[in-house]
């Protein structure tokens, strides 16, 4: 339609009010770093729909499902390249949602893949995909994998 692509409506329902509230709390000369896990991560990706790029200091998501189509990602490509960090642990099942019913919904670009005690920056197309629901748990899977990555240099030096 408007050249900005489309997103899954359930992810952005009610977000205009939330972003308006957040922007009202932060001085106009300050930018926000928007961060979230799962649905919150997808909603962080949607920030450009609700605020100008000058108000976005960074976007970070953990295990975010697929939000929009390729046209959405491309219409904000410069912002996403400069300020988006997407993190996926292992083969997080929900980072690949929606699985079948909406193949146009994608995540796009580079992601930080936590696996095997490492954190590799890879292209979305190189991620082996979704297979493990347990890898979605922020309190266990992401925390343990980040700890393994943080400990890796010490282990290598020992």
Protein backbone atom coordinates (compact mmCIF):
# COMPACT_ATOMS: atom_id res chain seq x y z
CA UNK A 1 0.00 0.00 0.00
CA UNK A 2 2.02 2.94 1.30
CA UNK A 3 5.45 1.71 0.25
CA UNK A 4 6.41 0.81 3.81
CA UNK A 5 5.37 -2.83 3.64
CA UNK A 6 3.12 -4.61 6.09
CA UNK A 7 3.38 -6.13 9.54
CA UNK A 8 1.26 -8.67 11.40
CA UNK A 9 -1.48 -6.60 13.01
CA UNK A 10 -1.53 -8.49 16.31
CA UNK A 11 2.04 -7.46 17.00
CA UNK A 12 1.33 -3.75 16.73
CA UNK A 13 -2.18 -3.58 18.22
CA UNK A 14 -2.18 -0.97 20.97
CA UNK A 15 1.41 0.04 20.35
CA UNK A 16 0.65 3.61 19.24
CA UNK A 17 -0.53 4.43 22.77
CA UNK A 18 2.48 2.74 24.38
CA UNK A 19 5.01 4.55 22.20
CA UNK A 20 3.18 7.88 22.67
CA UNK A 21 3.35 7.35 26.45
CA UNK A 22 7.08 6.49 26.34
CA UNK A 23 7.92 9.44 24.10
CA UNK A 24 6.03 11.79 26.40
CA UNK A 25 8.24 10.69 29.32
CA UNK A 26 11.55 11.21 27.53
CA UNK A 27 12.78 14.71 26.65
CA UNK A 28 12.42 15.44 22.93
CA UNK A 29 16.19 15.76 22.46
CA UNK A 30 16.78 12.21 23.80
CA UNK A 31 16.49 8.92 21.96
CA UNK A 32 15.17 5.63 23.27
CA UNK A 33 16.75 2.17 23.19
CA UNK A 34 13.82 -0.18 22.65
CA UNK A 35 14.33 -3.76 23.78
CA UNK A 36 12.15 -6.85 24.16
CA UNK A 37 11.88 -10.62 24.26
CA UNK A 38 9.49 -12.63 22.10
CA UNK A 39 6.39 -10.52 21.38
CA UNK A 40 8.17 -7.58 23.02
CA UNK A 41 11.05 -8.07 20.59
CA UNK A 42 8.72 -8.00 17.60
CA UNK A 43 7.18 -4.85 19.02
CA UNK A 44 10.65 -3.33 19.37
CA UNK A 45 11.20 -4.03 15.65
CA UNK A 46 7.99 -2.08 15.00
CA UNK A 47 9.33 1.11 16.62
CA UNK A 48 9.87 2.89 13.27
CA UNK A 49 6.12 2.75 12.72
CA UNK A 50 5.54 4.86 15.81
CA UNK A 51 8.51 7.21 16.15
CA UNK A 52 11.03 8.92 13.95
CA UNK A 53 14.49 7.45 13.45
CA UNK A 54 15.96 10.39 15.38
CA UNK A 55 14.20 9.12 18.53
CA UNK A 56 15.57 5.56 18.17
CA UNK A 57 19.00 5.06 19.77
CA UNK A 58 18.85 1.31 19.35
CA UNK A 59 16.62 -1.70 18.96
CA UNK A 60 17.43 -5.04 20.61
CA UNK A 61 15.35 -8.19 20.46
CA UNK A 62 15.70 -11.66 21.95
CA UNK A 63 13.81 -14.48 20.25
CA UNK A 64 11.50 -12.15 18.35
CA UNK A 65 9.01 -13.77 15.97
CA UNK A 66 8.74 -12.62 12.38
CA UNK A 67 7.06 -9.24 12.26
CA UNK A 68 6.64 -8.04 8.70
CA UNK A 69 7.19 -8.62 5.05
CA UNK A 70 10.34 -7.84 3.06
CA UNK A 71 8.99 -4.43 2.00
CA UNK A 72 8.64 -3.43 5.70
CA UNK A 73 12.24 -4.40 6.47
CA UNK A 74 13.60 -2.73 3.33
CA UNK A 75 11.69 0.51 3.94
CA UNK A 76 13.59 0.88 7.23
CA UNK A 77 16.82 -0.85 6.14
CA UNK A 78 19.20 2.01 7.00
CA UNK A 79 17.80 2.32 10.52
CA UNK A 80 17.84 -1.45 11.08
CA UNK A 81 21.41 -1.82 9.76
CA UNK A 82 22.67 0.90 12.07
CA UNK A 83 20.68 0.24 15.22
CA UNK A 84 19.09 -3.24 15.33
CA UNK A 85 20.59 -6.14 17.25
CA UNK A 86 18.58 -9.35 16.94
CA UNK A 87 19.58 -12.22 19.22
CA UNK A 88 18.42 -15.82 18.82
CA UNK A 89 19.38 -18.65 21.17
CA UNK A 90 19.98 -22.03 19.58
CA UNK A 91 17.03 -23.07 17.44
CA UNK A 92 14.43 -20.99 19.29
CA UNK A 93 11.06 -22.24 18.08
CA UNK A 94 9.27 -18.92 18.45
CA UNK A 95 11.92 -16.88 16.60
CA UNK A 96 10.63 -18.59 13.46
CA UNK A 97 6.92 -17.90 14.04
CA UNK A 98 4.63 -17.71 12.06
CA UNK A 99 5.80 -21.02 10.69
CA UNK A 100 3.42 -21.88 7.88
CA UNK A 101 0.31 -19.74 7.62
CA UNK A 102 2.06 -16.50 6.65
CA UNK A 103 5.22 -17.19 4.65
CA UNK A 104 5.50 -13.50 3.71
CA UNK A 105 6.32 -12.60 7.34
CA UNK A 106 10.08 -12.66 7.81
CA UNK A 107 12.90 -11.36 9.94
CA UNK A 108 15.61 -9.75 7.92
CA UNK A 109 19.31 -9.08 8.09
CA UNK A 110 22.00 -10.03 10.56
CA UNK A 111 21.37 -11.74 13.85
CA UNK A 112 23.49 -12.75 16.81
CA UNK A 113 23.13 -16.52 17.13
CA UNK A 114 23.92 -17.93 20.57
CA UNK A 115 24.93 -21.59 20.22
CA UNK A 116 27.56 -24.06 21.42
CA UNK A 117 29.12 -21.52 23.81
CA UNK A 118 29.53 -19.01 20.98
CA UNK A 119 27.89 -15.88 19.69
CA UNK A 120 28.12 -15.70 15.91
CA UNK A 121 26.79 -12.85 13.80
CA UNK A 122 25.12 -14.48 10.83
CA UNK A 123 22.66 -13.57 8.10
CA UNK A 124 19.05 -14.51 8.75
CA UNK A 125 19.21 -16.98 5.86
CA UNK A 126 22.10 -18.86 7.52
CA UNK A 127 20.25 -19.54 10.77
CA UNK A 128 19.38 -23.27 10.84
CA UNK A 129 15.82 -22.49 11.86
CA UNK A 130 13.37 -23.15 14.59
CA UNK A 131 13.14 -26.49 16.34
CA UNK A 132 13.41 -26.14 20.11
CA UNK A 133 10.77 -24.56 22.32
CA UNK A 134 13.14 -24.68 25.33
CA UNK A 135 15.57 -22.36 23.50
CA UNK A 136 12.97 -19.57 23.79
CA UNK A 137 13.12 -19.28 27.59
CA UNK A 138 14.79 -15.96 28.40
CA UNK A 139 15.54 -16.95 31.99
CA UNK A 140 17.33 -20.17 31.18
CA UNK A 141 18.35 -20.60 27.56
CA UNK A 142 19.37 -17.03 26.79
CA UNK A 143 20.98 -16.41 30.18
CA UNK A 144 22.95 -19.68 30.11
CA UNK A 145 24.06 -19.17 26.52
CA UNK A 146 25.16 -15.59 27.18
CA UNK A 147 27.08 -16.80 30.24
CA UNK A 148 28.80 -19.49 28.15
CA UNK A 149 29.80 -16.90 25.57
CA UNK A 150 31.07 -14.55 28.29
CA UNK A 151 33.13 -17.36 29.84
CA UNK A 152 34.54 -18.61 26.52
CA UNK A 153 37.57 -16.23 26.36
CA UNK A 154 38.60 -17.20 29.90
CA UNK A 155 38.37 -20.90 29.06
CA UNK A 156 40.38 -20.39 25.89
CA UNK A 157 43.09 -18.48 27.78
CA UNK A 158 43.38 -21.10 30.56
